[in-house]
Amino acid sequence: MLPEDSAFEATSLADGDHTAIRIAGGIDMATVHGFEAALDRAIAAGPTSIRLEMADVTYFGSEGVRALLAARERAEARGVRLRVGSTSPIIARLLQVTGLDGDAQTG
């Protein structure tokens, strides 16, 4: 169980063909559905690219990794580029180990 201060939050901002999603808090079994829903909404809107800002993610469990992999596949099938923007160093390392780092940046 995550501490209460790591509650999940996703905020989307569409700008033309590009969407940024700021993710904050923890992504675990209890919150992964909100993460998936935010990704699905963004993909369904049909932008050319989606950038995830994950610098404020406090926990990213295996559920989050699975959801991000699945979202990347759905995005690619629709011609949408899904990339990770800023991350914390811990999340950047996790993305590197799983091969999801692509354009990930710390900071």
C-alpha atoms as a PDB file:
ATOM      1  CA  MET A   1       0.000   0.000   0.000  1.00  0.00           C
ATOM      2  CA  LEU A   2       1.241   3.466  -0.839  1.00  0.00           C
ATOM      3  CA  PRO A   3       1.359   6.375   1.589  1.00  0.00           C
ATOM      4  CA  GLU A   4      -1.508   8.821   1.215  1.00  0.00           C
ATOM      5  CA  ASP A   5       0.809  11.541  -0.103  1.00  0.00           C
ATOM      6  CA  SER A   6       1.506   9.491  -3.225  1.00  0.00           C
ATOM      7  CA  ALA A   7      -2.050   9.590  -4.589  1.00  0.00           C
ATOM      8  CA  PHE A   8      -2.214   9.337  -8.372  1.00  0.00           C
ATOM      9  CA  GLU A   9      -3.037  12.334 -10.561  1.00  0.00           C
ATOM     10  CA  ALA A  10      -2.975  12.804 -14.338  1.00  0.00           C
ATOM     11  CA  THR A  11      -3.386  16.189 -16.011  1.00  0.00           C
ATOM     12  CA  SER A  12      -3.604  16.432 -19.812  1.00  0.00           C
ATOM     13  CA  LEU A  13      -2.924  19.428 -22.000  1.00  0.00           C
ATOM     14  CA  ALA A  14      -3.619  19.208 -25.734  1.00  0.00           C
ATOM     15  CA  ASP A  15      -1.886  21.672 -28.033  1.00  0.00           C
ATOM     16  CA  GLY A  16      -2.809  21.035 -31.645  1.00  0.00           C
ATOM     17  CA  ASP A  17      -1.477  17.638 -32.660  1.00  0.00           C
ATOM     18  CA  HIS A  18       0.487  17.195 -29.459  1.00  0.00           C
ATOM     19  CA  THR A  19      -0.655  16.156 -25.992  1.00  0.00           C
ATOM     20  CA  ALA A  20       1.286  16.373 -22.748  1.00  0.00           C
ATOM     21  CA  ILE A  21       0.194  14.340 -19.748  1.00  0.00           C
ATOM     22  CA  ARG A  22       1.640  15.234 -16.346  1.00  0.00           C
ATOM     23  CA  ILE A  23       1.637  12.196 -14.077  1.00  0.00           C
ATOM     24  CA  ALA A  24       2.062  12.642 -10.328  1.00  0.00           C
ATOM     25  CA  GLY A  25       1.955  10.280  -7.378  1.00  0.00           C
ATOM     26  CA  GLY A  26       2.182   6.532  -7.376  1.00  0.00           C
ATOM     27  CA  ILE A  27       1.138   3.967  -9.956  1.00  0.00           C
ATOM     28  CA  ASP A  28       0.280   0.631  -8.388  1.00  0.00           C
ATOM     29  CA  MET A  29      -2.585  -1.886  -8.465  1.00  0.00           C
ATOM     30  CA  ALA A  30      -4.970   0.642  -6.936  1.00  0.00           C
ATOM     31  CA  THR A  31      -4.161   3.482  -9.348  1.00  0.00           C
ATOM     32  CA  VAL A  32      -3.128   1.824 -12.613  1.00  0.00           C
ATOM     33  CA  HIS A  33      -6.659   2.062 -14.014  1.00  0.00           C
ATOM     34  CA  GLY A  34      -6.501   5.859 -13.788  1.00  0.00           C
ATOM     35  CA  PHE A  35      -3.127   5.813 -15.548  1.00  0.00           C
ATOM     36  CA  GLU A  36      -4.499   3.557 -18.296  1.00  0.00           C
ATOM     37  CA  ALA A  37      -7.597   5.737 -18.682  1.00  0.00           C
ATOM     38  CA  ALA A  38      -5.497   8.906 -19.076  1.00  0.00           C
ATOM     39  CA  LEU A  39      -3.359   7.221 -21.728  1.00  0.00           C
ATOM     40  CA  ASP A  40      -6.406   5.794 -23.540  1.00  0.00           C
ATOM     41  CA  ARG A  41      -8.156   9.190 -23.636  1.00  0.00           C
ATOM     42  CA  ALA A  42      -5.068  10.841 -25.056  1.00  0.00           C
ATOM     43  CA  ILE A  43      -4.532   8.146 -27.702  1.00  0.00           C
ATOM     44  CA  ALA A  44      -8.215   8.198 -28.713  1.00  0.00           C
ATOM     45  CA  ALA A  45      -8.063  11.968 -29.259  1.00  0.00           C
ATOM     46  CA  GLY A  46      -5.741  11.304 -32.213  1.00  0.00           C
ATOM     47  CA  PRO A  47      -2.697  13.503 -31.651  1.00  0.00           C
ATOM     48  CA  THR A  48       0.522  12.869 -33.558  1.00  0.00           C
ATOM     49  CA  SER A  49       2.482  12.670 -30.306  1.00  0.00           C
ATOM     50  CA  ILE A  50       1.943  12.209 -26.596  1.00  0.00           C
ATOM     51  CA  ARG A  51       4.573  13.208 -24.070  1.00  0.00           C
ATOM     52  CA  LEU A  52       4.381  11.853 -20.516  1.00  0.00           C
ATOM     53  CA  GLU A  53       5.874  14.128 -17.876  1.00  0.00           C
ATOM     54  CA  MET A  54       6.767  11.785 -15.004  1.00  0.00           C
ATOM     55  CA  ALA A  55       9.093  13.862 -12.808  1.00  0.00           C
ATOM     56  CA  ASP A  56       6.501  13.820 -10.006  1.00  0.00           C
ATOM     57  CA  VAL A  57       5.910  10.054 -10.029  1.00  0.00           C
ATOM     58  CA  THR A  58       6.707   8.697  -6.574  1.00  0.00           C
ATOM     59  CA  TYR A  59       6.186   4.997  -7.287  1.00  0.00           C
ATOM     60  CA  PHE A  60       5.978   3.071 -10.560  1.00  0.00           C
ATOM     61  CA  GLY A  61       5.201  -0.593 -10.043  1.00  0.00           C
ATOM     62  CA  SER A  62       5.077  -3.439 -12.510  1.00  0.00           C
ATOM     63  CA  GLU A  63       1.445  -2.541 -13.230  1.00  0.00           C
ATOM     64  CA  GLY A  64       2.592   0.834 -14.544  1.00  0.00           C
ATOM     65  CA  VAL A  65       5.274  -0.764 -16.709  1.00  0.00           C
ATOM     66  CA  ARG A  66       2.707  -3.155 -18.199  1.00  0.00           C
ATOM     67  CA  ALA A  67       0.233  -0.312 -18.812  1.00  0.00           C
ATOM     68  CA  LEU A  68       2.904   1.841 -20.466  1.00  0.00           C
ATOM     69  CA  LEU A  69       3.996  -1.010 -22.752  1.00  0.00           C
ATOM     70  CA  ALA A  70       0.396  -1.698 -23.782  1.00  0.00           C
ATOM     71  CA  ALA A  71      -0.281   2.009 -24.367  1.00  0.00           C
ATOM     72  CA  ARG A  72       2.825   2.324 -26.507  1.00  0.00           C
ATOM     73  CA  GLU A  73       1.594  -0.546 -28.694  1.00  0.00           C
ATOM     74  CA  ARG A  74      -1.885   1.018 -29.017  1.00  0.00           C
ATOM     75  CA  ALA A  75      -0.365   4.404 -29.833  1.00  0.00           C
ATOM     76  CA  GLU A  76       1.985   2.984 -32.460  1.00  0.00           C
ATOM     77  CA  ALA A  77      -0.919   1.116 -34.085  1.00  0.00           C
ATOM     78  CA  ARG A  78      -2.650   4.495 -34.527  1.00  0.00           C
ATOM     79  CA  GLY A  79       0.471   6.304 -35.726  1.00  0.00           C
ATOM     80  CA  VAL A  80       0.877   8.214 -32.450  1.00  0.00           C
ATOM     81  CA  ARG A  81       4.346   8.695 -30.985  1.00  0.00           C
ATOM     82  CA  LEU A  82       4.268   8.039 -27.233  1.00  0.00           C
ATOM     83  CA  ARG A  83       7.337   9.191 -25.354  1.00  0.00           C
ATOM     84  CA  VAL A  84       8.367   9.879 -21.811  1.00  0.00           C
ATOM     85  CA  GLY A  85       9.548  13.384 -21.032  1.00  0.00           C
ATOM     86  CA  SER A  86      11.053  14.345 -17.723  1.00  0.00           C
ATOM     87  CA  THR A  87      11.364  11.710 -15.014  1.00  0.00           C
ATOM     88  CA  SER A  88      12.963  11.277 -11.650  1.00  0.00           C
ATOM     89  CA  PRO A  89      16.314   9.432 -11.723  1.00  0.00           C
ATOM     90  CA  ILE A  90      14.683   6.319 -10.222  1.00  0.00           C
ATOM     91  CA  ILE A  91      11.944   6.220 -12.850  1.00  0.00           C
ATOM     92  CA  ALA A  92      14.488   6.924 -15.606  1.00  0.00           C
ATOM     93  CA  ARG A  93      16.497   3.890 -14.489  1.00  0.00           C
ATOM     94  CA  LEU A  94      13.382   1.693 -14.439  1.00  0.00           C
ATOM     95  CA  LEU A  95      12.477   2.823 -17.953  1.00  0.00           C
ATOM     96  CA  GLN A  96      16.034   2.138 -19.105  1.00  0.00           C
ATOM     97  CA  VAL A  97      16.025  -1.397 -17.676  1.00  0.00           C
ATOM     98  CA  THR A  98      12.670  -2.192 -19.300  1.00  0.00           C
ATOM     99  CA  GLY A  99      13.590  -0.644 -22.664  1.00  0.00           C
ATOM    100  CA  LEU A 100      10.920   2.048 -22.346  1.00  0.00           C
ATOM    101  CA  ASP A 101      13.391   4.921 -21.994  1.00  0.00           C
ATOM    102  CA  GLY A 102      13.359   6.118 -25.618  1.00  0.00           C
ATOM    103  CA  ASP A 103      13.393   9.887 -25.193  1.00  0.00           C
ATOM    104  CA  ALA A 104      13.203   9.883 -21.394  1.00  0.00           C
ATOM    105  CA  GLN A 105      14.945  12.770 -19.659  1.00  0.00           C
ATOM    106  CA  THR A 106      15.652  13.226 -15.976  1.00  0.00           C
ATOM    107  CA  GLY A 107      14.816  16.467 -14.283  1.00  0.00           C
END
